[in-house]
Amino acid sequence: RQKIDWARQHMPICAALRDEFEETQPLDGQRVGMAMHVE
C-alpha cells in the first residue's frame, strides 16, 4: 500500500479518470481480467 500510494501521487491522469469513473460507474457489472506486470 505504501508503494501504491506513492505512485498514485505522481499519476494525475489515472487520478482524474478515477474521479470520473467513481461518479459515472462506466464498468458497472463488468468483469475485467488482467495479466500485467504487477507493481
PDB file of all heavy atoms in Angstrom:
ATOM      1  N   ARG A   1       0.837  -1.206   0.000  1.00  0.00           N
ATOM      2  CA  ARG A   1       0.000   0.000   0.000  1.00  0.00           C
ATOM      3  C   ARG A   1       0.866   1.248   0.000  1.00  0.00           C
ATOM      4  O   ARG A   1       0.533   2.245  -0.672  1.00  0.00           O
ATOM      5  CB  ARG A   1      -0.924  -0.040   1.224  1.00  0.00           C
ATOM      6  CG  ARG A   1      -1.819   1.181   1.410  1.00  0.00           C
ATOM      7  CD  ARG A   1      -2.579   1.571   0.173  1.00  0.00           C
ATOM      8  NE  ARG A   1      -3.286   0.453  -0.432  1.00  0.00           N
ATOM      9  CZ  ARG A   1      -3.863   0.495  -1.619  1.00  0.00           C
ATOM     10  NH1 ARG A   1      -3.794   1.594  -2.358  1.00  0.00           N
ATOM     11  NH2 ARG A   1      -4.480  -0.557  -2.108  1.00  0.00           N
ATOM     12  N   GLN A   2       1.980   1.231   0.692  1.00  0.00           N
ATOM     13  CA  GLN A   2       2.887   2.382   0.686  1.00  0.00           C
ATOM     14  C   GLN A   2       3.410   2.640  -0.726  1.00  0.00           C
ATOM     15  O   GLN A   2       3.465   3.796  -1.179  1.00  0.00           O
ATOM     16  CB  GLN A   2       4.051   2.128   1.642  1.00  0.00           C
ATOM     17  CG  GLN A   2       5.000   3.303   1.804  1.00  0.00           C
ATOM     18  CD  GLN A   2       6.118   3.002   2.777  1.00  0.00           C
ATOM     19  OE1 GLN A   2       6.654   1.894   2.819  1.00  0.00           O
ATOM     20  NE2 GLN A   2       6.476   3.984   3.591  1.00  0.00           N
ATOM     21  N   LYS A   3       3.781   1.591  -1.440  1.00  0.00           N
ATOM     22  CA  LYS A   3       4.262   1.744  -2.815  1.00  0.00           C
ATOM     23  C   LYS A   3       3.168   2.288  -3.725  1.00  0.00           C
ATOM     24  O   LYS A   3       3.409   3.172  -4.570  1.00  0.00           O
ATOM     25  CB  LYS A   3       4.756   0.401  -3.358  1.00  0.00           C
ATOM     26  CG  LYS A   3       6.018  -0.131  -2.709  1.00  0.00           C
ATOM     27  CD  LYS A   3       6.397  -1.482  -3.330  1.00  0.00           C
ATOM     28  CE  LYS A   3       7.655  -2.058  -2.696  1.00  0.00           C
ATOM     29  NZ  LYS A   3       8.002  -3.383  -3.287  1.00  0.00           N
ATOM     30  N   ILE A   4       1.963   1.761  -3.592  1.00  0.00           N
ATOM     31  CA  ILE A   4       0.859   2.197  -4.447  1.00  0.00           C
ATOM     32  C   ILE A   4       0.505   3.656  -4.176  1.00  0.00           C
ATOM     33  O   ILE A   4       0.289   4.444  -5.103  1.00  0.00           O
ATOM     34  CB  ILE A   4      -0.375   1.295  -4.228  1.00  0.00           C
ATOM     35  CG1 ILE A   4      -0.058  -0.149  -4.633  1.00  0.00           C
ATOM     36  CG2 ILE A   4      -1.572   1.808  -5.030  1.00  0.00           C
ATOM     37  CD1 ILE A   4      -1.109  -1.158  -4.203  1.00  0.00           C
ATOM     38  N   ASP A   5       0.465   4.038  -2.903  1.00  0.00           N
ATOM     39  CA  ASP A   5       0.121   5.416  -2.561  1.00  0.00           C
ATOM     40  C   ASP A   5       1.151   6.393  -3.102  1.00  0.00           C
ATOM     41  O   ASP A   5       0.814   7.501  -3.555  1.00  0.00           O
ATOM     42  CB  ASP A   5      -0.005   5.568  -1.040  1.00  0.00           C
ATOM     43  CG  ASP A   5      -1.255   4.889  -0.490  1.00  0.00           C
ATOM     44  OD1 ASP A   5      -2.136   4.529  -1.290  1.00  0.00           O
ATOM     45  OD2 ASP A   5      -1.325   4.707   0.748  1.00  0.00           O
ATOM     46  N   TRP A   6       2.433   6.005  -3.078  1.00  0.00           N
ATOM     47  CA  TRP A   6       3.475   6.876  -3.632  1.00  0.00           C
ATOM     48  C   TRP A   6       3.280   7.044  -5.145  1.00  0.00           C
ATOM     49  O   TRP A   6       3.355   8.154  -5.675  1.00  0.00           O
ATOM     50  CB  TRP A   6       4.854   6.293  -3.341  1.00  0.00           C
ATOM     51  CG  TRP A   6       5.957   7.024  -4.052  1.00  0.00           C
ATOM     52  CD1 TRP A   6       6.597   6.649  -5.190  1.00  0.00           C
ATOM     53  CD2 TRP A   6       6.526   8.295  -3.685  1.00  0.00           C
ATOM     54  NE1 TRP A   6       7.543   7.580  -5.554  1.00  0.00           N
ATOM     55  CE2 TRP A   6       7.516   8.599  -4.650  1.00  0.00           C
ATOM     56  CE3 TRP A   6       6.302   9.177  -2.633  1.00  0.00           C
ATOM     57  CZ2 TRP A   6       8.280   9.766  -4.590  1.00  0.00           C
ATOM     58  CZ3 TRP A   6       7.066  10.344  -2.574  1.00  0.00           C
ATOM     59  CH2 TRP A   6       8.028  10.629  -3.541  1.00  0.00           C
ATOM     60  N   ALA A   7       3.011   5.920  -5.815  1.00  0.00           N
ATOM     61  CA  ALA A   7       2.801   6.001  -7.261  1.00  0.00           C
ATOM     62  C   ALA A   7       1.592   6.870  -7.588  1.00  0.00           C
ATOM     63  O   ALA A   7       1.645   7.706  -8.508  1.00  0.00           O
ATOM     64  CB  ALA A   7       2.618   4.594  -7.837  1.00  0.00           C
ATOM     65  N   ARG A   8       0.508   6.704  -6.838  1.00  0.00           N
ATOM     66  CA  ARG A   8      -0.714   7.455  -7.138  1.00  0.00           C
ATOM     67  C   ARG A   8      -0.482   8.961  -7.051  1.00  0.00           C
ATOM     68  O   ARG A   8      -1.069   9.737  -7.818  1.00  0.00           O
ATOM     69  CB  ARG A   8      -1.835   7.033  -6.188  1.00  0.00           C
ATOM     70  CG  ARG A   8      -3.130   7.823  -6.414  1.00  0.00           C
ATOM     71  CD  ARG A   8      -4.281   7.313  -5.579  1.00  0.00           C
ATOM     72  NE  ARG A   8      -4.724   6.025  -6.073  1.00  0.00           N
ATOM     73  CZ  ARG A   8      -4.756   4.920  -5.360  1.00  0.00           C
ATOM     74  NH1 ARG A   8      -4.372   4.930  -4.108  1.00  0.00           N
ATOM     75  NH2 ARG A   8      -5.175   3.794  -5.878  1.00  0.00           N
ATOM     76  N   GLN A   9       0.385   9.395  -6.134  1.00  0.00           N
ATOM     77  CA  GLN A   9       0.664  10.830  -6.003  1.00  0.00           C
ATOM     78  C   GLN A   9       1.231  11.416  -7.288  1.00  0.00           C
ATOM     79  O   GLN A   9       1.101  12.614  -7.534  1.00  0.00           O
ATOM     80  CB  GLN A   9       1.672  11.070  -4.879  1.00  0.00           C
ATOM     81  CG  GLN A   9       1.168  10.794  -3.488  1.00  0.00           C
ATOM     82  CD  GLN A   9       2.262  11.051  -2.467  1.00  0.00           C
ATOM     83  OE1 GLN A   9       2.981  12.044  -2.541  1.00  0.00           O
ATOM     84  NE2 GLN A   9       2.400  10.138  -1.511  1.00  0.00           N
ATOM     85  N   HIS A  10       1.866  10.574  -8.108  1.00  0.00           N
ATOM     86  CA  HIS A  10       2.552  11.045  -9.306  1.00  0.00           C
ATOM     87  C   HIS A  10       1.873  10.556 -10.585  1.00  0.00           C
ATOM     88  O   HIS A  10       2.487  10.558 -11.650  1.00  0.00           O
ATOM     89  CB  HIS A  10       4.011  10.574  -9.262  1.00  0.00           C
ATOM     90  CG  HIS A  10       4.742  11.047  -8.049  1.00  0.00           C
ATOM     91  ND1 HIS A  10       5.278  12.312  -7.934  1.00  0.00           N
ATOM     92  CD2 HIS A  10       4.993  10.430  -6.859  1.00  0.00           C
ATOM     93  CE1 HIS A  10       5.844  12.451  -6.754  1.00  0.00           C
ATOM     94  NE2 HIS A  10       5.688  11.326  -6.086  1.00  0.00           N
ATOM     95  N   MET A  11       0.591  10.185 -10.470  1.00  0.00           N
ATOM     96  CA  MET A  11      -0.160   9.699 -11.625  1.00  0.00           C
ATOM     97  C   MET A  11      -1.464  10.500 -11.775  1.00  0.00           C
ATOM     98  O   MET A  11      -2.562   9.992 -11.536  1.00  0.00           O
ATOM     99  CB  MET A  11      -0.435   8.195 -11.492  1.00  0.00           C
ATOM    100  CG  MET A  11       0.829   7.351 -11.460  1.00  0.00           C
ATOM    101  SD  MET A  11       0.554   5.565 -11.269  1.00  0.00           S
ATOM    102  CE  MET A  11      -0.106   5.121 -12.887  1.00  0.00           C
ATOM    103  N   PRO A  12      -1.347  11.761 -12.187  1.00  0.00           N
ATOM    104  CA  PRO A  12      -2.536  12.623 -12.249  1.00  0.00           C
ATOM    105  C   PRO A  12      -3.556  12.192 -13.292  1.00  0.00           C
ATOM    106  O   PRO A  12      -4.756  12.476 -13.135  1.00  0.00           O
ATOM    107  CB  PRO A  12      -1.958  13.997 -12.586  1.00  0.00           C
ATOM    108  CG  PRO A  12      -0.642  13.716 -13.242  1.00  0.00           C
ATOM    109  CD  PRO A  12      -0.110  12.498 -12.535  1.00  0.00           C
ATOM    110  N   ILE A  13      -3.122  11.524 -14.361  1.00  0.00           N
ATOM    111  CA  ILE A  13      -4.085  11.080 -15.373  1.00  0.00           C
ATOM    112  C   ILE A  13      -5.014  10.026 -14.771  1.00  0.00           C
ATOM    113  O   ILE A  13      -6.248  10.134 -14.868  1.00  0.00           O
ATOM    114  CB  ILE A  13      -3.359  10.518 -16.604  1.00  0.00           C
ATOM    115  CG1 ILE A  13      -2.505  11.593 -17.262  1.00  0.00           C
ATOM    116  CG2 ILE A  13      -4.370   9.965 -17.609  1.00  0.00           C
ATOM    117  CD1 ILE A  13      -1.583  11.070 -18.350  1.00  0.00           C
ATOM    118  N   CYS A  14      -4.422   9.012 -14.148  1.00  0.00           N
ATOM    119  CA  CYS A  14      -5.244   7.971 -13.531  1.00  0.00           C
ATOM    120  C   CYS A  14      -6.103   8.547 -12.404  1.00  0.00           C
ATOM    121  O   CYS A  14      -7.247   8.115 -12.197  1.00  0.00           O
ATOM    122  CB  CYS A  14      -4.364   6.838 -13.019  1.00  0.00           C
ATOM    123  SG  CYS A  14      -3.749   5.747 -14.331  1.00  0.00           S
ATOM    124  N   ALA A  15      -5.582   9.543 -11.679  1.00  0.00           N
ATOM    125  CA  ALA A  15      -6.365  10.174 -10.610  1.00  0.00           C
ATOM    126  C   ALA A  15      -7.591  10.876 -11.179  1.00  0.00           C
ATOM    127  O   ALA A  15      -8.708  10.759 -10.641  1.00  0.00           O
ATOM    128  CB  ALA A  15      -5.493  11.158  -9.835  1.00  0.00           C
ATOM    129  N   ALA A  16      -7.414  11.613 -12.274  1.00  0.00           N
ATOM    130  CA  ALA A  16      -8.543  12.321 -12.886  1.00  0.00           C
ATOM    131  C   ALA A  16      -9.573  11.331 -13.427  1.00  0.00           C
ATOM    132  O   ALA A  16     -10.792  11.535 -13.266  1.00  0.00           O
ATOM    133  CB  ALA A  16      -8.031  13.231 -13.996  1.00  0.00           C
ATOM    134  N   LEU A  17      -9.095  10.262 -14.073  1.00  0.00           N
ATOM    135  CA  LEU A  17     -10.013   9.266 -14.606  1.00  0.00           C
ATOM    136  C   LEU A  17     -10.731   8.526 -13.477  1.00  0.00           C
ATOM    137  O   LEU A  17     -11.924   8.214 -13.583  1.00  0.00           O
ATOM    138  CB  LEU A  17      -9.265   8.286 -15.494  1.00  0.00           C
ATOM    139  CG  LEU A  17      -8.775   8.864 -16.827  1.00  0.00           C
ATOM    140  CD1 LEU A  17      -7.848   7.879 -17.522  1.00  0.00           C
ATOM    141  CD2 LEU A  17      -9.951   9.238 -17.722  1.00  0.00           C
ATOM    142  N   ARG A  18     -10.032   8.279 -12.383  1.00  0.00           N
ATOM    143  CA  ARG A  18     -10.683   7.604 -11.259  1.00  0.00           C
ATOM    144  C   ARG A  18     -11.816   8.465 -10.702  1.00  0.00           C
ATOM    145  O   ARG A  18     -12.900   7.945 -10.389  1.00  0.00           O
ATOM    146  CB  ARG A  18      -9.665   7.291 -10.168  1.00  0.00           C
ATOM    147  CG  ARG A  18     -10.291   6.615  -8.946  1.00  0.00           C
ATOM    148  CD  ARG A  18      -9.257   6.088  -7.991  1.00  0.00           C
ATOM    149  NE  ARG A  18      -9.878   5.490  -6.827  1.00  0.00           N
ATOM    150  CZ  ARG A  18      -9.317   4.581  -6.039  1.00  0.00           C
ATOM    151  NH1 ARG A  18      -8.101   4.144  -6.324  1.00  0.00           N
ATOM    152  NH2 ARG A  18      -9.948   4.097  -4.989  1.00  0.00           N
ATOM    153  N   ASP A  19     -11.572   9.759 -10.572  1.00  0.00           N
ATOM    154  CA  ASP A  19     -12.637  10.649 -10.091  1.00  0.00           C
ATOM    155  C   ASP A  19     -13.859  10.567 -11.008  1.00  0.00           C
ATOM    156  O   ASP A  19     -15.002  10.501 -10.547  1.00  0.00           O
ATOM    157  CB  ASP A  19     -12.132  12.094 -10.028  1.00  0.00           C
ATOM    158  CG  ASP A  19     -11.129  12.313  -8.906  1.00  0.00           C
ATOM    159  OD1 ASP A  19     -11.061  11.468  -7.987  1.00  0.00           O
ATOM    160  OD2 ASP A  19     -10.412  13.332  -8.949  1.00  0.00           O
ATOM    161  N   GLU A  20     -13.606  10.578 -12.320  1.00  0.00           N
ATOM    162  CA  GLU A  20     -14.708  10.479 -13.279  1.00  0.00           C
ATOM    163  C   GLU A  20     -15.406   9.131 -13.173  1.00  0.00           C
ATOM    164  O   GLU A  20     -16.645   9.042 -13.150  1.00  0.00           O
ATOM    165  CB  GLU A  20     -14.164  10.673 -14.699  1.00  0.00           C
ATOM    166  CG  GLU A  20     -15.198  10.457 -15.789  1.00  0.00           C
ATOM    167  CD  GLU A  20     -14.575  10.289 -17.160  1.00  0.00           C
ATOM    168  OE1 GLU A  20     -13.562  10.953 -17.447  1.00  0.00           O
ATOM    169  OE2 GLU A  20     -15.105   9.475 -17.953  1.00  0.00           O
ATOM    170  N   PHE A  21     -14.611   8.067 -13.088  1.00  0.00           N
ATOM    171  CA  PHE A  21     -15.181   6.724 -13.056  1.00  0.00           C
ATOM    172  C   PHE A  21     -16.000   6.472 -11.792  1.00  0.00           C
ATOM    173  O   PHE A  21     -17.023   5.789 -11.834  1.00  0.00           O
ATOM    174  CB  PHE A  21     -14.062   5.680 -13.145  1.00  0.00           C
ATOM    175  CG  PHE A  21     -13.400   5.578 -14.495  1.00  0.00           C
ATOM    176  CD1 PHE A  21     -12.320   4.719 -14.669  1.00  0.00           C
ATOM    177  CD2 PHE A  21     -13.843   6.328 -15.565  1.00  0.00           C
ATOM    178  CE1 PHE A  21     -11.701   4.601 -15.902  1.00  0.00           C
ATOM    179  CE2 PHE A  21     -13.226   6.225 -16.812  1.00  0.00           C
ATOM    180  CZ  PHE A  21     -12.153   5.359 -16.975  1.00  0.00           C
ATOM    181  N   GLU A  22     -15.536   6.996 -10.665  1.00  0.00           N
ATOM    182  CA  GLU A  22     -16.284   6.790  -9.422  1.00  0.00           C
ATOM    183  C   GLU A  22     -17.671   7.422  -9.511  1.00  0.00           C
ATOM    184  O   GLU A  22     -18.634   6.903  -8.938  1.00  0.00           O
ATOM    185  CB  GLU A  22     -15.510   7.380  -8.242  1.00  0.00           C
ATOM    186  CG  GLU A  22     -14.299   6.531  -7.836  1.00  0.00           C
ATOM    187  CD  GLU A  22     -13.508   7.148  -6.701  1.00  0.00           C
ATOM    188  OE1 GLU A  22     -13.528   8.392  -6.576  1.00  0.00           O
ATOM    189  OE2 GLU A  22     -12.858   6.390  -5.947  1.00  0.00           O
ATOM    190  N   GLU A  23     -17.756   8.510 -10.253  1.00  0.00           N
ATOM    191  CA  GLU A  23     -19.042   9.202 -10.390  1.00  0.00           C
ATOM    192  C   GLU A  23     -19.946   8.531 -11.419  1.00  0.00           C
ATOM    193  O   GLU A  23     -21.149   8.367 -11.191  1.00  0.00           O
ATOM    194  CB  GLU A  23     -18.804  10.659 -10.785  1.00  0.00           C
ATOM    195  CG  GLU A  23     -20.079  11.465 -10.945  1.00  0.00           C
ATOM    196  CD  GLU A  23     -19.810  12.919 -11.287  1.00  0.00           C
ATOM    197  OE1 GLU A  23     -18.641  13.356 -11.198  1.00  0.00           O
ATOM    198  OE2 GLU A  23     -20.777  13.620 -11.644  1.00  0.00           O
ATOM    199  N   THR A  24     -19.371   8.109 -12.551  1.00  0.00           N
ATOM    200  CA  THR A  24     -20.197   7.609 -13.649  1.00  0.00           C
ATOM    201  C   THR A  24     -20.354   6.100 -13.673  1.00  0.00           C
ATOM    202  O   THR A  24     -21.263   5.580 -14.333  1.00  0.00           O
ATOM    203  CB  THR A  24     -19.604   8.064 -14.995  1.00  0.00           C
ATOM    204  OG1 THR A  24     -18.269   7.526 -15.133  1.00  0.00           O
ATOM    205  CG2 THR A  24     -19.544   9.588 -15.074  1.00  0.00           C
ATOM    206  N   GLN A  25     -19.466   5.365 -13.019  1.00  0.00           N
ATOM    207  CA  GLN A  25     -19.517   3.903 -12.951  1.00  0.00           C
ATOM    208  C   GLN A  25     -19.684   3.244 -14.338  1.00  0.00           C
ATOM    209  O   GLN A  25     -20.586   2.424 -14.557  1.00  0.00           O
ATOM    210  CB  GLN A  25     -20.647   3.457 -12.024  1.00  0.00           C
ATOM    211  CG  GLN A  25     -20.452   3.816 -10.558  1.00  0.00           C
ATOM    212  CD  GLN A  25     -19.328   2.990  -9.917  1.00  0.00           C
ATOM    213  OE1 GLN A  25     -19.503   1.814  -9.634  1.00  0.00           O
ATOM    214  NE2 GLN A  25     -18.179   3.627  -9.717  1.00  0.00           N
ATOM    215  N   PRO A  26     -18.788   3.551 -15.273  1.00  0.00           N
ATOM    216  CA  PRO A  26     -18.956   3.015 -16.632  1.00  0.00           C
ATOM    217  C   PRO A  26     -18.760   1.508 -16.742  1.00  0.00           C
ATOM    218  O   PRO A  26     -19.192   0.911 -17.733  1.00  0.00           O
ATOM    219  CB  PRO A  26     -17.880   3.763 -17.427  1.00  0.00           C
ATOM    220  CG  PRO A  26     -16.823   4.093 -16.418  1.00  0.00           C
ATOM    221  CD  PRO A  26     -17.588   4.407 -15.161  1.00  0.00           C
ATOM    222  N   LEU A  27     -18.116   0.893 -15.751  1.00  0.00           N
ATOM    223  CA  LEU A  27     -17.835  -0.542 -15.824  1.00  0.00           C
ATOM    224  C   LEU A  27     -18.711  -1.356 -14.876  1.00  0.00           C
ATOM    225  O   LEU A  27     -18.415  -2.514 -14.580  1.00  0.00           O
ATOM    226  CB  LEU A  27     -16.358  -0.815 -15.522  1.00  0.00           C
ATOM    227  CG  LEU A  27     -15.356  -0.132 -16.454  1.00  0.00           C
ATOM    228  CD1 LEU A  27     -13.927  -0.484 -16.047  1.00  0.00           C
ATOM    229  CD2 LEU A  27     -15.602  -0.520 -17.904  1.00  0.00           C
ATOM    230  N   ASP A  28     -19.795  -0.755 -14.414  1.00  0.00           N
ATOM    231  CA  ASP A  28     -20.691  -1.460 -13.507  1.00  0.00           C
ATOM    232  C   ASP A  28     -21.174  -2.758 -14.158  1.00  0.00           C
ATOM    233  O   ASP A  28     -21.686  -2.771 -15.276  1.00  0.00           O
ATOM    234  CB  ASP A  28     -21.893  -0.571 -13.176  1.00  0.00           C
ATOM    235  CG  ASP A  28     -22.807  -1.218 -12.144  1.00  0.00           C
ATOM    236  OD1 ASP A  28     -22.297  -1.925 -11.259  1.00  0.00           O
ATOM    237  OD2 ASP A  28     -24.031  -1.023 -12.246  1.00  0.00           O
ATOM    238  N   GLY A  29     -20.973  -3.866 -13.453  1.00  0.00           N
ATOM    239  CA  GLY A  29     -21.409  -5.168 -13.951  1.00  0.00           C
ATOM    240  C   GLY A  29     -20.387  -5.880 -14.817  1.00  0.00           C
ATOM    241  O   GLY A  29     -20.606  -7.036 -15.190  1.00  0.00           O
ATOM    242  N   GLN A  30     -19.263  -5.223 -15.143  1.00  0.00           N
ATOM    243  CA  GLN A  30     -18.241  -5.861 -15.970  1.00  0.00           C
ATOM    244  C   GLN A  30     -17.235  -6.623 -15.105  1.00  0.00           C
ATOM    245  O   GLN A  30     -16.998  -6.278 -13.945  1.00  0.00           O
ATOM    246  CB  GLN A  30     -17.498  -4.816 -16.808  1.00  0.00           C
ATOM    247  CG  GLN A  30     -18.388  -3.999 -17.716  1.00  0.00           C
ATOM    248  CD  GLN A  30     -19.114  -4.850 -18.743  1.00  0.00           C
ATOM    249  OE1 GLN A  30     -18.600  -5.873 -19.222  1.00  0.00           O
ATOM    250  NE2 GLN A  30     -20.340  -4.443 -19.075  1.00  0.00           N
ATOM    251  N   ARG A  31     -16.645  -7.649 -15.697  1.00  0.00           N
ATOM    252  CA  ARG A  31     -15.575  -8.410 -15.051  1.00  0.00           C
ATOM    253  C   ARG A  31     -14.318  -8.235 -15.914  1.00  0.00           C
ATOM    254  O   ARG A  31     -14.331  -8.608 -17.096  1.00  0.00           O
ATOM    255  CB  ARG A  31     -15.954  -9.883 -14.913  1.00  0.00           C
ATOM    256  CG  ARG A  31     -17.169 -10.122 -14.038  1.00  0.00           C
ATOM    257  CD  ARG A  31     -17.517 -11.605 -13.933  1.00  0.00           C
ATOM    258  NE  ARG A  31     -17.823 -12.193 -15.236  1.00  0.00           N
ATOM    259  CZ  ARG A  31     -18.995 -12.122 -15.840  1.00  0.00           C
ATOM    260  NH1 ARG A  31     -20.000 -11.440 -15.274  1.00  0.00           N
ATOM    261  NH2 ARG A  31     -19.181 -12.684 -17.022  1.00  0.00           N
ATOM    262  N   VAL A  32     -13.291  -7.677 -15.329  1.00  0.00           N
ATOM    263  CA  VAL A  32     -12.067  -7.374 -16.075  1.00  0.00           C
ATOM    264  C   VAL A  32     -10.968  -8.342 -15.635  1.00  0.00           C
ATOM    265  O   VAL A  32     -10.628  -8.407 -14.453  1.00  0.00           O
ATOM    266  CB  VAL A  32     -11.619  -5.918 -15.854  1.00  0.00           C
ATOM    267  CG1 VAL A  32     -10.317  -5.642 -16.614  1.00  0.00           C
ATOM    268  CG2 VAL A  32     -12.715  -4.949 -16.321  1.00  0.00           C
ATOM    269  N   GLY A  33     -10.435  -9.094 -16.592  1.00  0.00           N
ATOM    270  CA  GLY A  33      -9.320  -9.992 -16.334  1.00  0.00           C
ATOM    271  C   GLY A  33      -8.035  -9.364 -16.828  1.00  0.00           C
ATOM    272  O   GLY A  33      -7.956  -8.926 -17.979  1.00  0.00           O
ATOM    273  N   MET A  34      -7.016  -9.329 -15.973  1.00  0.00           N
ATOM    274  CA  MET A  34      -5.768  -8.640 -16.301  1.00  0.00           C
ATOM    275  C   MET A  34      -4.577  -9.583 -16.139  1.00  0.00           C
ATOM    276  O   MET A  34      -4.494 -10.320 -15.149  1.00  0.00           O
ATOM    277  CB  MET A  34      -5.586  -7.410 -15.399  1.00  0.00           C
ATOM    278  CG  MET A  34      -6.727  -6.411 -15.467  1.00  0.00           C
ATOM    279  SD  MET A  34      -6.551  -5.020 -14.295  1.00  0.00           S
ATOM    280  CE  MET A  34      -5.112  -4.177 -14.988  1.00  0.00           C
ATOM    281  N   ALA A  35      -3.649  -9.534 -17.089  1.00  0.00           N
ATOM    282  CA  ALA A  35      -2.352 -10.208 -16.973  1.00  0.00           C
ATOM    283  C   ALA A  35      -1.301  -9.152 -17.264  1.00  0.00           C
ATOM    284  O   ALA A  35      -1.064  -8.804 -18.420  1.00  0.00           O
ATOM    285  CB  ALA A  35      -2.244 -11.371 -17.950  1.00  0.00           C
ATOM    286  N   MET A  36      -0.686  -8.621 -16.206  1.00  0.00           N
ATOM    287  CA  MET A  36       0.187  -7.449 -16.318  1.00  0.00           C
ATOM    288  C   MET A  36       1.411  -7.641 -15.408  1.00  0.00           C
ATOM    289  O   MET A  36       1.476  -8.569 -14.609  1.00  0.00           O
ATOM    290  CB  MET A  36      -0.562  -6.182 -15.873  1.00  0.00           C
ATOM    291  CG  MET A  36      -1.880  -5.920 -16.589  1.00  0.00           C
ATOM    292  SD  MET A  36      -1.652  -5.262 -18.238  1.00  0.00           S
ATOM    293  CE  MET A  36      -1.254  -3.560 -17.866  1.00  0.00           C
ATOM    294  N   HIS A  37       2.373  -6.726 -15.529  1.00  0.00           N
ATOM    295  CA  HIS A  37       3.470  -6.667 -14.569  1.00  0.00           C
ATOM    296  C   HIS A  37       2.898  -6.046 -13.285  1.00  0.00           C
ATOM    297  O   HIS A  37       2.574  -4.850 -13.251  1.00  0.00           O
ATOM    298  CB  HIS A  37       4.613  -5.812 -15.098  1.00  0.00           C
ATOM    299  CG  HIS A  37       5.197  -6.326 -16.377  1.00  0.00           C
ATOM    300  ND1 HIS A  37       5.892  -7.513 -16.446  1.00  0.00           N
ATOM    301  CD2 HIS A  37       5.185  -5.813 -17.635  1.00  0.00           C
ATOM    302  CE1 HIS A  37       6.287  -7.709 -17.694  1.00  0.00           C
ATOM    303  NE2 HIS A  37       5.869  -6.702 -18.432  1.00  0.00           N
ATOM    304  N   VAL A  38       2.756  -6.846 -12.247  1.00  0.00           N
ATOM    305  CA  VAL A  38       2.047  -6.373 -11.054  1.00  0.00           C
ATOM    306  C   VAL A  38       3.025  -5.656 -10.137  1.00  0.00           C
ATOM    307  O   VAL A  38       3.714  -6.255  -9.310  1.00  0.00           O
ATOM    308  CB  VAL A  38       1.334  -7.537 -10.341  1.00  0.00           C
ATOM    309  CG1 VAL A  38       0.601  -7.025  -9.104  1.00  0.00           C
ATOM    310  CG2 VAL A  38       0.341  -8.196 -11.296  1.00  0.00           C
ATOM    311  N   GLU A  39       3.102  -4.351 -10.346  1.00  0.00           N
ATOM    312  CA  GLU A  39       3.894  -3.470  -9.488  1.00  0.00           C
ATOM    313  C   GLU A  39       3.044  -2.236  -9.200  1.00  0.00           C
ATOM    314  O   GLU A  39       1.852  -2.230  -9.524  1.00  0.00           O
ATOM    315  CB  GLU A  39       5.247  -3.145 -10.121  1.00  0.00           C
ATOM    316  CG  GLU A  39       5.223  -2.826 -11.593  1.00  0.00           C
ATOM    317  CD  GLU A  39       4.673  -1.456 -11.888  1.00  0.00           C
ATOM    318  OE1 GLU A  39       5.141  -0.483 -11.264  1.00  0.00           O
ATOM    319  OE2 GLU A  39       3.771  -1.344 -12.711  1.00  0.00           O
TER     320      GLU A  39
END
